[in-house]
Amino acid sequence: MTPARGARALALLALAAGCAQPRTFTDELDTKPWEAQKALLPPYPKAASMVPFYVGPGPFAFFVDSGSVRVGQDGVVRYTLIARSRSGATNVSYEGIRCEGYARRVYAFGSDASWSRATNSQWVPINRLAAEPQTALANDFFCPERGPVRTTEEALRTLALGNRP
């Protein structure tokens, strides 16, 4: 092999290696300070807009506030999750699911009809086999085998169909 041919082969390998680098993901909410993010949070959920979905047998019933569901330009499906215990205790959070990478993130927690920033908010993997609300939302609604939802309308249609066993 001539030195010129070897240099070209090396350059092609370097180019291929550069192309193989994973694409960095930028969450569209990360580019804004918390005060600006607060303005993007949905209104606090109302009982009339809560859509139930099935996670599995357990002490909680789960709902998504249909008025909060949005598919962002970054491909993240954002929604308000409501978990209600049999005794009536309620947990509310504003979350996102990213089908590319199969990850979830909590942005804020709700209490007394207002939002508080989630500390240490970061993308974490979704356990595909766990009986967790984020797994059910990803598997059954937002990231099904046929492909991720692309629009808010599509996400709302899939939620409306439900996932009862």
N, C-alpha and C. Protein backbone atom coordinates (compact mmCIF):
# COMPACT_ATOMS: atom_id res chain seq x y z
N MET A 1 0.86 -1.17 0.00
CA MET A 1 0.00 0.00 0.00
C MET A 1 0.90 1.23 0.00
N THR A 2 0.59 2.17 -0.85
CA THR A 2 1.39 3.38 -0.94
C THR A 2 1.05 4.29 0.23
N PRO A 3 1.97 5.20 0.60
CA PRO A 3 1.69 6.12 1.70
C PRO A 3 0.44 6.97 1.45
N ALA A 4 0.21 7.39 0.21
CA ALA A 4 -0.97 8.21 -0.09
C ALA A 4 -2.25 7.40 0.10
N ARG A 5 -2.21 6.15 -0.34
CA ARG A 5 -3.39 5.28 -0.20
C ARG A 5 -3.65 5.00 1.28
N GLY A 6 -2.61 4.78 2.06
CA GLY A 6 -2.74 4.55 3.49
C GLY A 6 -3.32 5.77 4.20
N ALA A 7 -2.88 6.94 3.79
CA ALA A 7 -3.39 8.19 4.39
C ALA A 7 -4.87 8.36 4.06
N ARG A 8 -5.26 8.04 2.83
CA ARG A 8 -6.67 8.13 2.46
C ARG A 8 -7.53 7.14 3.25
N ALA A 9 -7.03 5.93 3.43
CA ALA A 9 -7.77 4.93 4.20
C ALA A 9 -7.92 5.39 5.64
N LEU A 10 -6.87 5.95 6.19
CA LEU A 10 -6.92 6.46 7.56
C LEU A 10 -7.91 7.63 7.68
N ALA A 11 -7.93 8.49 6.68
CA ALA A 11 -8.86 9.63 6.68
C ALA A 11 -10.31 9.14 6.60
N LEU A 12 -10.55 8.11 5.79
CA LEU A 12 -11.90 7.55 5.68
C LEU A 12 -12.34 6.92 7.00
N LEU A 13 -11.42 6.22 7.66
CA LEU A 13 -11.74 5.63 8.96
C LEU A 13 -12.06 6.71 9.99
N ALA A 14 -11.29 7.79 9.99
CA ALA A 14 -11.54 8.88 10.93
C ALA A 14 -12.89 9.53 10.63
N LEU A 15 -13.22 9.69 9.36
CA LEU A 15 -14.51 10.26 8.99
C LEU A 15 -15.66 9.36 9.43
N ALA A 16 -15.51 8.07 9.20
CA ALA A 16 -16.55 7.11 9.61
C ALA A 16 -16.72 7.11 11.12
N ALA A 17 -15.62 7.17 11.84
CA ALA A 17 -15.70 7.20 13.30
C ALA A 17 -16.41 8.47 13.78
N GLY A 18 -16.15 9.57 13.11
CA GLY A 18 -16.82 10.82 13.48
C GLY A 18 -18.31 10.77 13.22
N CYS A 19 -18.70 10.08 12.16
CA CYS A 19 -20.12 9.96 11.83
C CYS A 19 -20.84 9.04 12.80
N ALA A 20 -20.11 8.12 13.42
CA ALA A 20 -20.73 7.14 14.30
C ALA A 20 -20.99 7.68 15.71
N GLN A 21 -20.58 8.90 15.97
CA GLN A 21 -20.80 9.48 17.29
C GLN A 21 -22.29 9.65 17.56
N PRO A 22 -22.73 9.33 18.77
CA PRO A 22 -24.15 9.50 19.06
C PRO A 22 -24.55 10.97 19.01
N ARG A 23 -25.74 11.19 18.53
CA ARG A 23 -26.27 12.55 18.44
C ARG A 23 -26.61 13.03 19.84
N THR A 24 -26.17 14.22 20.17
CA THR A 24 -26.51 14.75 21.49
C THR A 24 -27.92 15.28 21.46
N PHE A 25 -28.65 15.01 22.53
CA PHE A 25 -30.04 15.42 22.63
C PHE A 25 -30.12 16.68 23.47
N THR A 26 -30.85 17.67 23.00
CA THR A 26 -31.08 18.89 23.75
C THR A 26 -32.57 19.00 24.04
N ASP A 27 -32.91 18.95 25.31
CA ASP A 27 -34.29 19.12 25.75
C ASP A 27 -34.65 20.58 25.56
N GLU A 28 -35.75 20.86 24.85
CA GLU A 28 -36.10 22.25 24.55
C GLU A 28 -36.38 23.06 25.81
N LEU A 29 -36.70 22.41 26.93
CA LEU A 29 -36.92 23.16 28.17
C LEU A 29 -35.60 23.51 28.87
N ASP A 30 -34.53 22.74 28.59
CA ASP A 30 -33.24 23.01 29.22
C ASP A 30 -32.64 24.33 28.77
N THR A 31 -33.05 24.82 27.64
CA THR A 31 -32.46 26.05 27.12
C THR A 31 -33.03 27.30 27.78
N LYS A 32 -34.01 27.09 28.67
CA LYS A 32 -34.67 28.23 29.32
C LYS A 32 -34.44 28.19 30.83
N PRO A 33 -34.32 29.35 31.47
CA PRO A 33 -34.22 29.37 32.93
C PRO A 33 -35.55 28.94 33.55
N TRP A 34 -35.52 28.55 34.82
CA TRP A 34 -36.72 28.03 35.49
C TRP A 34 -37.90 29.00 35.40
N GLU A 35 -37.67 30.27 35.56
CA GLU A 35 -38.78 31.23 35.50
C GLU A 35 -39.48 31.16 34.14
N ALA A 36 -38.72 30.98 33.07
CA ALA A 36 -39.32 30.86 31.74
C ALA A 36 -39.99 29.50 31.58
N GLN A 37 -39.39 28.46 32.17
CA GLN A 37 -40.00 27.13 32.11
C GLN A 37 -41.34 27.11 32.82
N LYS A 38 -41.45 27.82 33.94
CA LYS A 38 -42.71 27.84 34.69
C LYS A 38 -43.86 28.32 33.83
N ALA A 39 -43.57 29.27 32.96
CA ALA A 39 -44.62 29.79 32.07
C ALA A 39 -45.06 28.74 31.06
N LEU A 40 -44.21 27.75 30.79
CA LEU A 40 -44.54 26.70 29.83
C LEU A 40 -45.25 25.52 30.48
N LEU A 41 -45.30 25.49 31.80
CA LEU A 41 -45.99 24.40 32.48
C LEU A 41 -47.49 24.52 32.25
N PRO A 42 -48.16 23.38 32.17
CA PRO A 42 -49.61 23.44 31.92
C PRO A 42 -50.35 23.90 33.16
N PRO A 43 -51.61 24.29 32.99
CA PRO A 43 -52.42 24.59 34.17
C PRO A 43 -52.54 23.33 35.04
N TYR A 44 -52.79 23.54 36.32
CA TYR A 44 -52.94 22.40 37.23
C TYR A 44 -54.10 21.54 36.75
N PRO A 45 -53.99 20.21 36.83
CA PRO A 45 -55.04 19.34 36.28
C PRO A 45 -56.38 19.47 37.01
N LYS A 46 -57.43 19.29 36.22
CA LYS A 46 -58.79 19.28 36.75
C LYS A 46 -59.36 17.88 36.53
N ALA A 47 -60.23 17.47 37.42
CA ALA A 47 -60.79 16.11 37.37
C ALA A 47 -61.42 15.80 36.01
N ALA A 48 -62.05 16.77 35.39
CA ALA A 48 -62.76 16.55 34.13
C ALA A 48 -61.82 16.17 32.98
N SER A 49 -60.55 16.53 33.06
CA SER A 49 -59.63 16.25 31.95
C SER A 49 -58.68 15.09 32.24
N MET A 50 -58.92 14.35 33.33
CA MET A 50 -58.03 13.25 33.69
C MET A 50 -58.45 11.96 32.98
N VAL A 51 -57.52 11.40 32.21
CA VAL A 51 -57.76 10.17 31.47
C VAL A 51 -57.09 9.02 32.22
N PRO A 52 -57.87 8.01 32.64
CA PRO A 52 -57.27 6.88 33.37
C PRO A 52 -56.51 5.96 32.42
N PHE A 53 -55.48 5.32 32.95
CA PHE A 53 -54.79 4.27 32.20
C PHE A 53 -54.35 3.20 33.18
N TYR A 54 -54.18 1.99 32.66
CA TYR A 54 -53.88 0.83 33.49
C TYR A 54 -52.38 0.60 33.57
N VAL A 55 -51.88 0.42 34.79
CA VAL A 55 -50.47 0.11 35.01
C VAL A 55 -50.31 -1.32 35.50
N GLY A 56 -51.21 -1.76 36.33
CA GLY A 56 -51.16 -3.11 36.90
C GLY A 56 -51.83 -3.07 38.25
N PRO A 57 -51.99 -4.23 38.86
CA PRO A 57 -52.60 -4.23 40.19
C PRO A 57 -51.69 -3.50 41.17
N GLY A 58 -52.26 -2.74 42.03
CA GLY A 58 -51.45 -2.00 42.99
C GLY A 58 -52.30 -0.99 43.73
N PRO A 59 -51.67 -0.25 44.62
CA PRO A 59 -52.41 0.67 45.48
C PRO A 59 -52.79 1.99 44.82
N PHE A 60 -52.33 2.23 43.58
CA PHE A 60 -52.59 3.52 42.94
C PHE A 60 -53.41 3.38 41.66
N ALA A 61 -54.23 4.37 41.40
CA ALA A 61 -54.88 4.54 40.10
C ALA A 61 -54.12 5.67 39.41
N PHE A 62 -53.89 5.54 38.10
CA PHE A 62 -53.09 6.52 37.37
C PHE A 62 -53.92 7.21 36.29
N PHE A 63 -53.60 8.50 36.10
CA PHE A 63 -54.30 9.33 35.14
C PHE A 63 -53.30 10.25 34.44
N VAL A 64 -53.65 10.67 33.23
CA VAL A 64 -52.92 11.72 32.52
C VAL A 64 -53.91 12.85 32.30
N ASP A 65 -53.48 14.06 32.57
CA ASP A 65 -54.31 15.23 32.29
C ASP A 65 -54.24 15.49 30.79
N SER A 66 -55.35 15.25 30.09
CA SER A 66 -55.36 15.38 28.63
C SER A 66 -55.03 16.81 28.17
N GLY A 67 -55.33 17.80 28.99
CA GLY A 67 -55.02 19.18 28.63
C GLY A 67 -53.54 19.51 28.69
N SER A 68 -52.75 18.63 29.28
CA SER A 68 -51.32 18.91 29.44
C SER A 68 -50.46 18.21 28.40
N VAL A 69 -51.01 17.28 27.65
CA VAL A 69 -50.21 16.46 26.73
C VAL A 69 -49.73 17.30 25.56
N ARG A 70 -48.41 17.26 25.32
CA ARG A 70 -47.79 17.99 24.21
C ARG A 70 -46.63 17.17 23.67
N VAL A 71 -46.53 17.12 22.34
CA VAL A 71 -45.36 16.54 21.70
C VAL A 71 -44.52 17.72 21.25
N GLY A 72 -43.33 17.86 21.83
CA GLY A 72 -42.47 19.00 21.53
C GLY A 72 -41.74 18.84 20.20
N GLN A 73 -41.15 19.92 19.74
CA GLN A 73 -40.35 19.88 18.52
C GLN A 73 -39.14 18.97 18.69
N ASP A 74 -38.74 18.74 19.95
CA ASP A 74 -37.62 17.85 20.24
C ASP A 74 -38.05 16.39 20.30
N GLY A 75 -39.34 16.10 20.04
CA GLY A 75 -39.84 14.73 20.04
C GLY A 75 -40.26 14.21 21.40
N VAL A 76 -40.11 15.02 22.44
CA VAL A 76 -40.47 14.60 23.79
C VAL A 76 -41.98 14.76 23.99
N VAL A 77 -42.60 13.72 24.53
CA VAL A 77 -44.02 13.80 24.89
C VAL A 77 -44.07 14.24 26.35
N ARG A 78 -44.66 15.42 26.59
CA ARG A 78 -44.77 15.96 27.95
C ARG A 78 -46.22 15.87 28.40
N TYR A 79 -46.42 15.60 29.68
CA TYR A 79 -47.75 15.35 30.20
C TYR A 79 -47.76 15.52 31.71
N THR A 80 -48.94 15.69 32.28
CA THR A 80 -49.10 15.70 33.73
C THR A 80 -49.60 14.33 34.15
N LEU A 81 -48.89 13.72 35.09
CA LEU A 81 -49.22 12.41 35.63
C LEU A 81 -49.86 12.59 37.00
N ILE A 82 -50.97 11.91 37.21
CA ILE A 82 -51.65 11.95 38.50
C ILE A 82 -51.71 10.52 39.03
N ALA A 83 -51.24 10.31 40.25
CA ALA A 83 -51.31 9.01 40.91
C ALA A 83 -52.17 9.19 42.15
N ARG A 84 -53.25 8.42 42.25
CA ARG A 84 -54.17 8.55 43.37
C ARG A 84 -54.24 7.22 44.12
N SER A 85 -54.00 7.27 45.44
CA SER A 85 -54.07 6.06 46.25
C SER A 85 -55.52 5.73 46.58
N ARG A 86 -55.74 4.53 47.08
CA ARG A 86 -57.10 4.13 47.46
C ARG A 86 -57.65 5.03 48.56
N SER A 87 -56.78 5.58 49.39
CA SER A 87 -57.24 6.46 50.48
C SER A 87 -57.49 7.88 50.01
N GLY A 88 -57.17 8.18 48.73
CA GLY A 88 -57.43 9.50 48.18
C GLY A 88 -56.22 10.42 48.12
N ALA A 89 -55.08 9.98 48.65
CA ALA A 89 -53.86 10.80 48.54
C ALA A 89 -53.46 10.89 47.08
N THR A 90 -53.03 12.07 46.65
CA THR A 90 -52.73 12.30 45.24
C THR A 90 -51.32 12.85 45.06
N ASN A 91 -50.61 12.30 44.09
CA ASN A 91 -49.31 12.83 43.67
C ASN A 91 -49.47 13.34 42.24
N VAL A 92 -48.92 14.53 41.99
CA VAL A 92 -49.02 15.15 40.67
C VAL A 92 -47.61 15.53 40.22
N SER A 93 -47.30 15.20 38.96
CA SER A 93 -45.99 15.58 38.42
C SER A 93 -46.11 15.89 36.93
N TYR A 94 -45.25 16.80 36.48
CA TYR A 94 -45.17 17.12 35.06
C TYR A 94 -43.92 16.43 34.54
N GLU A 95 -44.08 15.56 33.54
CA GLU A 95 -43.00 14.68 33.11
C GLU A 95 -42.85 14.68 31.60
N GLY A 96 -41.81 14.03 31.14
CA GLY A 96 -41.59 13.85 29.72
C GLY A 96 -41.08 12.46 29.44
N ILE A 97 -41.45 11.93 28.27
CA ILE A 97 -40.93 10.66 27.78
C ILE A 97 -40.29 10.91 26.43
N ARG A 98 -39.07 10.42 26.30
CA ARG A 98 -38.33 10.52 25.04
C ARG A 98 -38.20 9.12 24.47
N CYS A 99 -38.91 8.86 23.39
CA CYS A 99 -38.91 7.52 22.80
C CYS A 99 -37.52 7.16 22.27
N GLU A 100 -36.85 8.11 21.64
CA GLU A 100 -35.49 7.86 21.19
C GLU A 100 -34.61 7.81 22.44
N GLY A 101 -34.14 6.66 22.76
CA GLY A 101 -33.37 6.48 23.99
C GLY A 101 -34.20 5.89 25.11
N TYR A 102 -35.51 5.82 24.93
CA TYR A 102 -36.45 5.23 25.88
C TYR A 102 -36.16 5.70 27.31
N ALA A 103 -36.37 7.01 27.52
CA ALA A 103 -36.04 7.63 28.81
C ALA A 103 -37.19 8.52 29.27
N ARG A 104 -37.16 8.83 30.56
CA ARG A 104 -38.18 9.67 31.16
C ARG A 104 -37.51 10.73 32.03
N ARG A 105 -38.29 11.78 32.32
CA ARG A 105 -37.77 12.86 33.13
C ARG A 105 -38.92 13.55 33.85
N VAL A 106 -38.70 13.93 35.10
CA VAL A 106 -39.68 14.70 35.85
C VAL A 106 -39.22 16.15 35.85
N TYR A 107 -40.09 17.05 35.41
CA TYR A 107 -39.76 18.47 35.36
C TYR A 107 -40.23 19.22 36.61
N ALA A 108 -41.43 18.85 37.10
CA ALA A 108 -42.00 19.60 38.22
C ALA A 108 -42.98 18.71 38.99
N PHE A 109 -43.20 19.08 40.23
CA PHE A 109 -44.19 18.41 41.08
C PHE A 109 -45.29 19.40 41.42
N GLY A 110 -46.51 18.87 41.53
CA GLY A 110 -47.64 19.73 41.84
C GLY A 110 -48.11 19.54 43.27
N SER A 111 -48.52 20.65 43.86
CA SER A 111 -49.08 20.62 45.21
C SER A 111 -49.90 21.90 45.40
N ASP A 112 -51.07 21.75 45.98
CA ASP A 112 -51.93 22.91 46.23
C ASP A 112 -52.14 23.76 44.98
N ALA A 113 -52.37 23.09 43.87
CA ALA A 113 -52.66 23.75 42.59
C ALA A 113 -51.53 24.62 42.05
N SER A 114 -50.27 24.32 42.45
CA SER A 114 -49.14 25.06 41.90
C SER A 114 -47.99 24.08 41.65
N TRP A 115 -47.01 24.53 40.86
CA TRP A 115 -45.89 23.70 40.47
C TRP A 115 -44.62 24.10 41.21
N SER A 116 -43.80 23.09 41.54
CA SER A 116 -42.47 23.30 42.11
C SER A 116 -41.46 22.55 41.25
N ARG A 117 -40.34 23.17 41.03
CA ARG A 117 -39.30 22.58 40.19
C ARG A 117 -38.78 21.29 40.81
N ALA A 118 -38.61 20.27 39.99
CA ALA A 118 -38.03 19.01 40.45
C ALA A 118 -36.52 19.21 40.59
N THR A 119 -36.00 18.83 41.73
CA THR A 119 -34.55 18.93 41.92
C THR A 119 -33.88 17.74 41.24
N ASN A 120 -32.71 17.95 40.73
CA ASN A 120 -31.94 16.90 40.07
C ASN A 120 -32.72 16.27 38.91
N SER A 121 -33.42 17.08 38.16
CA SER A 121 -34.19 16.59 37.02
C SER A 121 -33.25 16.18 35.90
N GLN A 122 -33.31 14.90 35.55
CA GLN A 122 -32.47 14.40 34.47
C GLN A 122 -33.15 13.22 33.79
N TRP A 123 -32.68 12.90 32.61
CA TRP A 123 -33.22 11.77 31.87
C TRP A 123 -32.71 10.47 32.48
N VAL A 124 -33.64 9.56 32.75
CA VAL A 124 -33.30 8.24 33.28
C VAL A 124 -33.98 7.18 32.40
N PRO A 125 -33.35 6.02 32.25
CA PRO A 125 -33.93 4.97 31.41
C PRO A 125 -35.27 4.48 31.97
N ILE A 126 -36.15 4.11 31.08
CA ILE A 126 -37.43 3.49 31.46
C ILE A 126 -37.20 1.99 31.48
N ASN A 127 -37.62 1.34 32.56
CA ASN A 127 -37.54 -0.11 32.66
C ASN A 127 -38.70 -0.70 31.85
N ARG A 128 -38.39 -1.32 30.75
CA ARG A 128 -39.42 -1.83 29.83
C ARG A 128 -40.35 -2.86 30.45
N LEU A 129 -39.93 -3.52 31.52
CA LEU A 129 -40.73 -4.59 32.11
C LEU A 129 -41.36 -4.23 33.44
N ALA A 130 -41.11 -3.04 33.92
CA ALA A 130 -41.61 -2.65 35.25
C ALA A 130 -43.09 -2.28 35.19
N ALA A 131 -43.77 -2.52 36.30
CA ALA A 131 -45.17 -2.09 36.44
C ALA A 131 -45.16 -0.67 36.98
N GLU A 132 -44.75 0.27 36.14
CA GLU A 132 -44.65 1.69 36.50
C GLU A 132 -45.46 2.50 35.49
N PRO A 133 -45.97 3.64 35.91
CA PRO A 133 -46.79 4.43 34.97
C PRO A 133 -46.02 4.87 33.73
N GLN A 134 -44.76 5.22 33.87
CA GLN A 134 -43.99 5.68 32.71
C GLN A 134 -43.79 4.53 31.71
N THR A 135 -43.62 3.31 32.21
CA THR A 135 -43.48 2.16 31.32
C THR A 135 -44.78 1.94 30.56
N ALA A 136 -45.91 2.00 31.25
CA ALA A 136 -47.21 1.82 30.58
C ALA A 136 -47.43 2.93 29.55
N LEU A 137 -47.12 4.17 29.90
CA LEU A 137 -47.31 5.28 28.96
C LEU A 137 -46.43 5.11 27.73
N ALA A 138 -45.17 4.73 27.94
CA ALA A 138 -44.26 4.55 26.80
C ALA A 138 -44.69 3.36 25.95
N ASN A 139 -44.88 2.20 26.56
CA ASN A 139 -45.20 0.98 25.81
C ASN A 139 -46.55 1.04 25.11
N ASP A 140 -47.56 1.52 25.81
CA ASP A 140 -48.92 1.43 25.30
C ASP A 140 -49.41 2.66 24.54
N PHE A 141 -48.78 3.81 24.76
CA PHE A 141 -49.31 5.04 24.17
C PHE A 141 -48.30 5.84 23.34
N PHE A 142 -47.20 6.22 23.95
CA PHE A 142 -46.33 7.20 23.31
C PHE A 142 -45.20 6.61 22.47
N CYS A 143 -44.74 5.41 22.78
CA CYS A 143 -43.62 4.78 22.05
C CYS A 143 -43.95 3.34 21.67
N PRO A 144 -45.13 3.07 21.10
CA PRO A 144 -45.49 1.69 20.81
C PRO A 144 -44.62 1.10 19.71
N GLU A 145 -44.72 -0.20 19.52
CA GLU A 145 -43.89 -0.90 18.52
C GLU A 145 -44.06 -0.33 17.12
N ARG A 146 -45.21 0.21 16.81
CA ARG A 146 -45.43 0.76 15.46
C ARG A 146 -44.69 2.08 15.26
N GLY A 147 -44.15 2.65 16.33
CA GLY A 147 -43.39 3.88 16.23
C GLY A 147 -43.93 4.94 17.17
N PRO A 148 -43.10 5.90 17.53
CA PRO A 148 -43.52 6.93 18.49
C PRO A 148 -44.59 7.85 17.90
N VAL A 149 -45.40 8.40 18.79
CA VAL A 149 -46.38 9.39 18.34
C VAL A 149 -45.63 10.62 17.85
N ARG A 150 -46.17 11.28 16.86
CA ARG A 150 -45.48 12.43 16.25
C ARG A 150 -46.14 13.75 16.58
N THR A 151 -47.44 13.69 16.92
CA THR A 151 -48.16 14.94 17.17
C THR A 151 -48.94 14.83 18.48
N THR A 152 -49.30 15.98 19.00
CA THR A 152 -50.13 16.01 20.21
C THR A 152 -51.46 15.32 19.97
N GLU A 153 -52.04 15.55 18.80
CA GLU A 153 -53.33 14.94 18.47
C GLU A 153 -53.23 13.42 18.47
N GLU A 154 -52.15 12.89 17.91
CA GLU A 154 -51.95 11.44 17.88
C GLU A 154 -51.79 10.89 19.30
N ALA A 155 -51.06 11.60 20.15
CA ALA A 155 -50.88 11.17 21.54
C ALA A 155 -52.22 11.14 22.26
N LEU A 156 -53.04 12.15 22.04
CA LEU A 156 -54.36 12.20 22.69
C LEU A 156 -55.27 11.09 22.18
N ARG A 157 -55.20 10.79 20.89
CA ARG A 157 -56.02 9.69 20.32
C ARG A 157 -55.63 8.36 20.96
N THR A 158 -54.34 8.10 21.10
CA THR A 158 -53.91 6.83 21.69
C THR A 158 -54.34 6.73 23.15
N LEU A 159 -54.26 7.83 23.88
CA LEU A 159 -54.72 7.83 25.28
C LEU A 159 -56.22 7.55 25.36
N ALA A 160 -56.97 8.14 24.45
CA ALA A 160 -58.43 7.97 24.47
C ALA A 160 -58.83 6.52 24.22
N LEU A 161 -58.01 5.78 23.48
CA LEU A 161 -58.32 4.37 23.22
C LEU A 161 -58.15 3.51 24.47
N GLY A 162 -57.28 3.95 25.38
CA GLY A 162 -57.08 3.22 26.63
C GLY A 162 -56.22 1.98 26.49
N ASN A 163 -55.93 1.36 27.61
CA ASN A 163 -55.09 0.16 27.61
C ASN A 163 -55.55 -0.86 28.64
N ARG A 164 -56.81 -0.90 28.92
CA ARG A 164 -57.33 -1.87 29.90
C ARG A 164 -57.08 -3.28 29.43
N PRO A 165 -56.68 -4.18 30.35
CA PRO A 165 -56.42 -5.58 29.96
C PRO A 165 -57.71 -6.30 29.61
